Each structure stands twice: as C-alpha cells, then as structure tokens.
Amino acid sequence: MFEIFRIDPVFGFFWGLTFFGGIILFFFILGSGIRRARNNSRQPIKEAEAKVVAKRIKVWGDHSYTNYYVTFEAYNSERTEFEVEEGLYGLLVEGDTGILTYQGYRVLDFRRF
C-alpha cells in the first residue's frame, strides 16, 4: 500500500549529500563574511587625499542584486577599488578630489575639497 512512498537508496544518498553540502556551503559563506568584517574592524582608520578615477556597478543574480564600486587614486598614484553603498556611489563623480577615510576595505567617509 505504501510502495509509492519508498525512496530509492541511491536517490536518498545523493539527496542527503546535496542537502548537507548546501548547509556546509551556507556556513562557509557566512563565516567568510564575518571574518572579513572582523578583519576590517581590526584595521586602523586611515585618511588620504584621493581622487575618484573610476566608478562601476556589478549586477548579478536572478533578482538583480547590485554592487557599487569606486576606484580612488591617492596622491602617490596608488589606486584602490572599494565596494561602497549606493548612497555614496550616487554622490561621487569621476574627478572629485577630497579626503578619503577608510578602514581596511571599507570606506567610512569621503569629504570633497
């Protein structure tokens, strides 16, 4: 009578493997995000005179996730790209110069001259 609810052992094994693999992947991604945030928080807060030299966006995923990136060039010609929030991205224009305040890979503030 309950023959229709029987699961083939091979199918059950692969389903379980996929399920637990997904859980492990979830915790790996979560851990790497926490580790990056903790690493940023341990870095000293730095200020540098910088110029906005490039802006770009990355749209990805089925639900159109968007990441915003800005490249700053310091007075010593060293360029660094930061992922920034949408609000700051909208306020910056290529060619803007000012004081960049950052901590690790996180932009805290940019004050124009």
N, C-alpha and C. Protein backbone atom coordinates (compact mmCIF):
# COMPACT_ATOMS: atom_id res chain seq x y z
N MET A 1 0.81 -1.21 0.00
CA MET A 1 0.00 0.00 0.00
C MET A 1 0.86 1.27 0.00
N PHE A 2 1.96 1.25 0.72
CA PHE A 2 2.81 2.44 0.79
C PHE A 2 4.03 2.34 -0.11
N GLU A 3 3.95 1.56 -1.15
CA GLU A 3 5.06 1.39 -2.07
C GLU A 3 5.42 2.70 -2.78
N ILE A 4 4.45 3.59 -2.96
CA ILE A 4 4.73 4.84 -3.68
C ILE A 4 5.61 5.78 -2.85
N PHE A 5 5.68 5.58 -1.53
CA PHE A 5 6.47 6.44 -0.66
C PHE A 5 7.89 5.91 -0.43
N ARG A 6 8.21 4.80 -1.06
CA ARG A 6 9.55 4.25 -0.92
C ARG A 6 10.54 5.09 -1.70
N ILE A 7 11.69 5.36 -1.10
CA ILE A 7 12.73 6.15 -1.76
C ILE A 7 13.88 5.22 -2.11
N ASP A 8 14.33 5.31 -3.33
CA ASP A 8 15.47 4.52 -3.78
C ASP A 8 16.68 4.91 -2.93
N PRO A 9 17.44 3.96 -2.38
CA PRO A 9 18.58 4.29 -1.53
C PRO A 9 19.62 5.18 -2.22
N VAL A 10 19.84 4.99 -3.50
CA VAL A 10 20.82 5.83 -4.21
C VAL A 10 20.31 7.27 -4.27
N PHE A 11 19.04 7.45 -4.57
CA PHE A 11 18.46 8.80 -4.61
C PHE A 11 18.54 9.45 -3.23
N GLY A 12 18.22 8.70 -2.20
CA GLY A 12 18.29 9.22 -0.83
C GLY A 12 19.69 9.65 -0.45
N PHE A 13 20.70 8.87 -0.87
CA PHE A 13 22.08 9.21 -0.56
C PHE A 13 22.47 10.53 -1.22
N PHE A 14 22.15 10.68 -2.50
CA PHE A 14 22.52 11.92 -3.22
C PHE A 14 21.71 13.12 -2.73
N TRP A 15 20.47 12.91 -2.35
CA TRP A 15 19.67 14.00 -1.79
C TRP A 15 20.28 14.46 -0.48
N GLY A 16 20.64 13.51 0.36
CA GLY A 16 21.27 13.86 1.64
C GLY A 16 22.60 14.55 1.45
N LEU A 17 23.39 14.07 0.51
CA LEU A 17 24.68 14.68 0.22
C LEU A 17 24.51 16.12 -0.26
N THR A 18 23.54 16.35 -1.11
CA THR A 18 23.26 17.69 -1.62
C THR A 18 22.78 18.60 -0.49
N PHE A 19 21.90 18.08 0.35
CA PHE A 19 21.35 18.87 1.45
C PHE A 19 22.45 19.30 2.42
N PHE A 20 23.26 18.35 2.87
CA PHE A 20 24.31 18.69 3.83
C PHE A 20 25.43 19.49 3.18
N GLY A 21 25.68 19.30 1.90
CA GLY A 21 26.64 20.14 1.18
C GLY A 21 26.19 21.58 1.13
N GLY A 22 24.87 21.77 0.93
CA GLY A 22 24.32 23.13 0.94
C GLY A 22 24.45 23.79 2.30
N ILE A 23 24.22 23.03 3.36
CA ILE A 23 24.37 23.58 4.71
C ILE A 23 25.82 23.97 4.97
N ILE A 24 26.75 23.12 4.58
CA ILE A 24 28.17 23.43 4.77
C ILE A 24 28.56 24.66 3.97
N LEU A 25 28.09 24.79 2.74
CA LEU A 25 28.38 25.95 1.91
C LEU A 25 27.81 27.23 2.54
N PHE A 26 26.60 27.15 3.07
CA PHE A 26 25.97 28.30 3.73
C PHE A 26 26.84 28.80 4.88
N PHE A 27 27.28 27.88 5.75
CA PHE A 27 28.08 28.29 6.90
C PHE A 27 29.47 28.77 6.48
N PHE A 28 30.01 28.24 5.40
CA PHE A 28 31.30 28.71 4.90
C PHE A 28 31.18 30.16 4.43
N ILE A 29 30.14 30.46 3.67
CA ILE A 29 29.94 31.83 3.17
C ILE A 29 29.67 32.78 4.33
N LEU A 30 28.85 32.36 5.29
CA LEU A 30 28.58 33.18 6.46
C LEU A 30 29.86 33.45 7.24
N GLY A 31 30.66 32.43 7.43
CA GLY A 31 31.91 32.58 8.18
C GLY A 31 32.89 33.50 7.48
N SER A 32 32.97 33.41 6.15
CA SER A 32 33.91 34.27 5.43
C SER A 32 33.47 35.73 5.51
N GLY A 33 32.16 35.99 5.49
CA GLY A 33 31.68 37.36 5.65
C GLY A 33 31.97 37.92 7.02
N ILE A 34 31.77 37.10 8.04
CA ILE A 34 32.06 37.53 9.41
C ILE A 34 33.56 37.77 9.57
N ARG A 35 34.37 36.89 9.00
CA ARG A 35 35.82 37.03 9.10
C ARG A 35 36.29 38.32 8.42
N ARG A 36 35.71 38.65 7.26
CA ARG A 36 36.11 39.88 6.55
C ARG A 36 35.70 41.11 7.35
N ALA A 37 34.49 41.11 7.92
CA ALA A 37 34.04 42.25 8.71
C ALA A 37 34.92 42.43 9.95
N ARG A 38 35.28 41.34 10.60
CA ARG A 38 36.13 41.41 11.79
C ARG A 38 37.52 41.92 11.40
N ASN A 39 38.05 41.46 10.26
CA ASN A 39 39.35 41.91 9.80
C ASN A 39 39.34 43.41 9.50
N ASN A 40 38.27 43.89 8.86
CA ASN A 40 38.15 45.33 8.59
C ASN A 40 38.11 46.12 9.88
N SER A 41 37.38 45.63 10.87
CA SER A 41 37.24 46.34 12.14
C SER A 41 38.56 46.42 12.91
N ARG A 42 39.44 45.47 12.69
CA ARG A 42 40.73 45.48 13.39
C ARG A 42 41.76 46.39 12.73
N GLN A 43 41.50 46.83 11.50
CA GLN A 43 42.43 47.69 10.79
C GLN A 43 42.36 49.11 11.34
N PRO A 44 43.47 49.85 11.27
CA PRO A 44 43.43 51.25 11.72
C PRO A 44 42.62 52.10 10.73
N ILE A 45 42.01 53.14 11.25
CA ILE A 45 41.29 54.08 10.40
C ILE A 45 42.33 55.02 9.77
N LYS A 46 42.29 55.11 8.43
CA LYS A 46 43.27 55.91 7.70
C LYS A 46 42.58 57.00 6.90
N GLU A 47 43.29 58.09 6.70
CA GLU A 47 42.82 59.17 5.84
C GLU A 47 43.87 59.41 4.77
N ALA A 48 43.40 59.73 3.58
CA ALA A 48 44.32 60.02 2.48
C ALA A 48 43.65 61.00 1.53
N GLU A 49 44.47 61.87 0.97
CA GLU A 49 43.98 62.74 -0.09
C GLU A 49 43.83 61.88 -1.33
N ALA A 50 42.64 61.88 -1.92
CA ALA A 50 42.38 60.97 -3.03
C ALA A 50 41.48 61.61 -4.06
N LYS A 51 41.51 61.01 -5.24
CA LYS A 51 40.69 61.46 -6.37
C LYS A 51 39.88 60.27 -6.87
N VAL A 52 38.61 60.49 -7.21
CA VAL A 52 37.78 59.44 -7.78
C VAL A 52 38.17 59.32 -9.25
N VAL A 53 38.68 58.15 -9.64
CA VAL A 53 39.13 57.97 -11.02
C VAL A 53 38.21 57.05 -11.82
N ALA A 54 37.40 56.23 -11.16
CA ALA A 54 36.50 55.33 -11.89
C ALA A 54 35.36 54.89 -10.99
N LYS A 55 34.23 54.61 -11.64
CA LYS A 55 33.05 54.06 -10.95
C LYS A 55 32.52 52.92 -11.82
N ARG A 56 32.02 51.88 -11.16
CA ARG A 56 31.39 50.79 -11.91
C ARG A 56 30.37 50.10 -11.02
N ILE A 57 29.45 49.39 -11.67
CA ILE A 57 28.48 48.59 -10.94
C ILE A 57 28.53 47.16 -11.45
N LYS A 58 28.11 46.25 -10.60
CA LYS A 58 28.03 44.84 -10.98
C LYS A 58 26.62 44.37 -10.62
N VAL A 59 25.86 43.99 -11.63
CA VAL A 59 24.51 43.47 -11.43
C VAL A 59 24.57 41.96 -11.60
N TRP A 60 24.02 41.21 -10.63
CA TRP A 60 24.11 39.77 -10.68
C TRP A 60 22.87 39.13 -10.05
N GLY A 61 22.69 37.86 -10.33
CA GLY A 61 21.61 37.08 -9.72
C GLY A 61 20.29 37.24 -10.44
N ASP A 62 19.38 36.34 -10.12
CA ASP A 62 18.05 36.35 -10.72
C ASP A 62 17.22 37.54 -10.25
N HIS A 63 17.53 38.07 -9.08
CA HIS A 63 16.74 39.16 -8.52
C HIS A 63 17.45 40.50 -8.65
N SER A 64 18.42 40.56 -9.55
CA SER A 64 19.15 41.79 -9.86
C SER A 64 19.76 42.45 -8.62
N TYR A 65 20.69 41.75 -8.01
CA TYR A 65 21.47 42.34 -6.92
C TYR A 65 22.50 43.25 -7.55
N THR A 66 22.82 44.35 -6.89
CA THR A 66 23.75 45.32 -7.44
C THR A 66 24.84 45.64 -6.43
N ASN A 67 26.09 45.60 -6.87
CA ASN A 67 27.23 46.03 -6.07
C ASN A 67 27.80 47.29 -6.73
N TYR A 68 28.21 48.23 -5.90
CA TYR A 68 28.73 49.50 -6.39
C TYR A 68 30.21 49.61 -6.01
N TYR A 69 31.05 49.99 -6.99
CA TYR A 69 32.49 50.07 -6.77
C TYR A 69 33.00 51.44 -7.22
N VAL A 70 33.95 51.97 -6.44
CA VAL A 70 34.60 53.24 -6.78
C VAL A 70 36.11 53.04 -6.65
N THR A 71 36.85 53.52 -7.63
CA THR A 71 38.31 53.46 -7.59
C THR A 71 38.83 54.83 -7.24
N PHE A 72 39.65 54.87 -6.20
CA PHE A 72 40.29 56.12 -5.74
C PHE A 72 41.77 56.05 -6.06
N GLU A 73 42.33 57.21 -6.40
CA GLU A 73 43.77 57.31 -6.63
C GLU A 73 44.34 58.26 -5.59
N ALA A 74 45.29 57.77 -4.81
CA ALA A 74 45.93 58.58 -3.77
C ALA A 74 46.97 59.50 -4.41
N TYR A 75 47.47 60.44 -3.60
CA TYR A 75 48.44 61.41 -4.12
C TYR A 75 49.71 60.75 -4.63
N ASN A 76 50.02 59.54 -4.17
CA ASN A 76 51.23 58.84 -4.62
C ASN A 76 50.95 57.95 -5.84
N SER A 77 49.83 58.16 -6.51
CA SER A 77 49.39 57.45 -7.72
C SER A 77 48.99 56.00 -7.46
N GLU A 78 48.81 55.61 -6.21
CA GLU A 78 48.34 54.26 -5.89
C GLU A 78 46.81 54.22 -5.99
N ARG A 79 46.30 53.26 -6.77
CA ARG A 79 44.85 53.13 -6.96
C ARG A 79 44.30 51.98 -6.13
N THR A 80 43.13 52.22 -5.53
CA THR A 80 42.46 51.19 -4.74
C THR A 80 40.97 51.25 -5.03
N GLU A 81 40.39 50.06 -5.26
CA GLU A 81 38.95 49.98 -5.51
C GLU A 81 38.24 49.52 -4.24
N PHE A 82 37.15 50.21 -3.92
CA PHE A 82 36.35 49.88 -2.75
C PHE A 82 34.92 49.60 -3.19
N GLU A 83 34.29 48.66 -2.50
CA GLU A 83 32.85 48.47 -2.67
C GLU A 83 32.18 49.47 -1.73
N VAL A 84 31.25 50.27 -2.26
CA VAL A 84 30.61 51.33 -1.47
C VAL A 84 29.10 51.14 -1.49
N GLU A 85 28.43 51.85 -0.59
CA GLU A 85 26.98 51.82 -0.54
C GLU A 85 26.40 52.65 -1.69
N GLU A 86 25.16 52.34 -2.03
CA GLU A 86 24.50 53.01 -3.15
C GLU A 86 24.45 54.52 -2.97
N GLY A 87 24.18 54.97 -1.76
CA GLY A 87 24.08 56.41 -1.50
C GLY A 87 25.37 57.15 -1.78
N LEU A 88 26.49 56.64 -1.30
CA LEU A 88 27.79 57.27 -1.55
C LEU A 88 28.14 57.20 -3.03
N TYR A 89 27.84 56.07 -3.66
CA TYR A 89 28.12 55.91 -5.09
C TYR A 89 27.42 56.99 -5.91
N GLY A 90 26.18 57.28 -5.56
CA GLY A 90 25.41 58.29 -6.28
C GLY A 90 25.93 59.70 -6.09
N LEU A 91 26.60 59.96 -4.96
CA LEU A 91 27.10 61.30 -4.68
C LEU A 91 28.46 61.58 -5.32
N LEU A 92 29.18 60.52 -5.66
CA LEU A 92 30.53 60.70 -6.21
C LEU A 92 30.51 60.82 -7.72
N VAL A 93 31.41 61.66 -8.23
CA VAL A 93 31.57 61.87 -9.67
C VAL A 93 33.05 61.67 -9.98
N GLU A 94 33.33 61.03 -11.12
CA GLU A 94 34.73 60.88 -11.52
C GLU A 94 35.38 62.25 -11.61
N GLY A 95 36.55 62.35 -10.98
CA GLY A 95 37.26 63.63 -10.95
C GLY A 95 37.15 64.33 -9.61
N ASP A 96 36.23 63.91 -8.75
CA ASP A 96 36.12 64.50 -7.41
C ASP A 96 37.41 64.28 -6.64
N THR A 97 37.87 65.29 -5.92
CA THR A 97 39.03 65.15 -5.04
C THR A 97 38.61 65.52 -3.64
N GLY A 98 39.27 64.89 -2.67
CA GLY A 98 38.94 65.15 -1.28
C GLY A 98 39.72 64.25 -0.36
N ILE A 99 39.22 64.16 0.87
CA ILE A 99 39.84 63.32 1.89
C ILE A 99 39.04 62.04 2.01
N LEU A 100 39.69 60.92 1.74
CA LEU A 100 39.08 59.60 1.85
C LEU A 100 39.42 59.03 3.22
N THR A 101 38.39 58.64 3.96
CA THR A 101 38.58 57.96 5.25
C THR A 101 38.14 56.52 5.07
N TYR A 102 39.03 55.59 5.37
CA TYR A 102 38.73 54.18 5.16
C TYR A 102 39.33 53.33 6.27
N GLN A 103 38.79 52.13 6.40
CA GLN A 103 39.26 51.17 7.39
C GLN A 103 39.28 49.80 6.72
N GLY A 104 40.46 49.29 6.45
CA GLY A 104 40.56 48.03 5.73
C GLY A 104 40.05 48.21 4.31
N TYR A 105 39.00 47.45 3.95
CA TYR A 105 38.40 47.56 2.62
C TYR A 105 37.06 48.28 2.68
N ARG A 106 36.82 49.05 3.73
CA ARG A 106 35.54 49.72 3.92
C ARG A 106 35.74 51.24 3.91
N VAL A 107 34.98 51.93 3.05
CA VAL A 107 35.03 53.39 3.01
C VAL A 107 34.13 53.93 4.12
N LEU A 108 34.68 54.76 4.97
CA LEU A 108 33.90 55.37 6.05
C LEU A 108 33.34 56.72 5.64
N ASP A 109 34.14 57.49 4.87
CA ASP A 109 33.70 58.84 4.50
C ASP A 109 34.57 59.36 3.36
N PHE A 110 33.98 60.26 2.59
CA PHE A 110 34.74 60.99 1.58
C PHE A 110 34.27 62.44 1.63
N ARG A 111 35.21 63.36 1.97
CA ARG A 111 34.88 64.78 2.05
C ARG A 111 35.58 65.51 0.91
N ARG A 112 34.76 66.16 0.07
CA ARG A 112 35.31 66.90 -1.07
C ARG A 112 36.04 68.14 -0.59
N PHE A 113 37.00 68.57 -1.42
CA PHE A 113 37.69 69.84 -1.17
C PHE A 113 36.80 70.97 -1.58
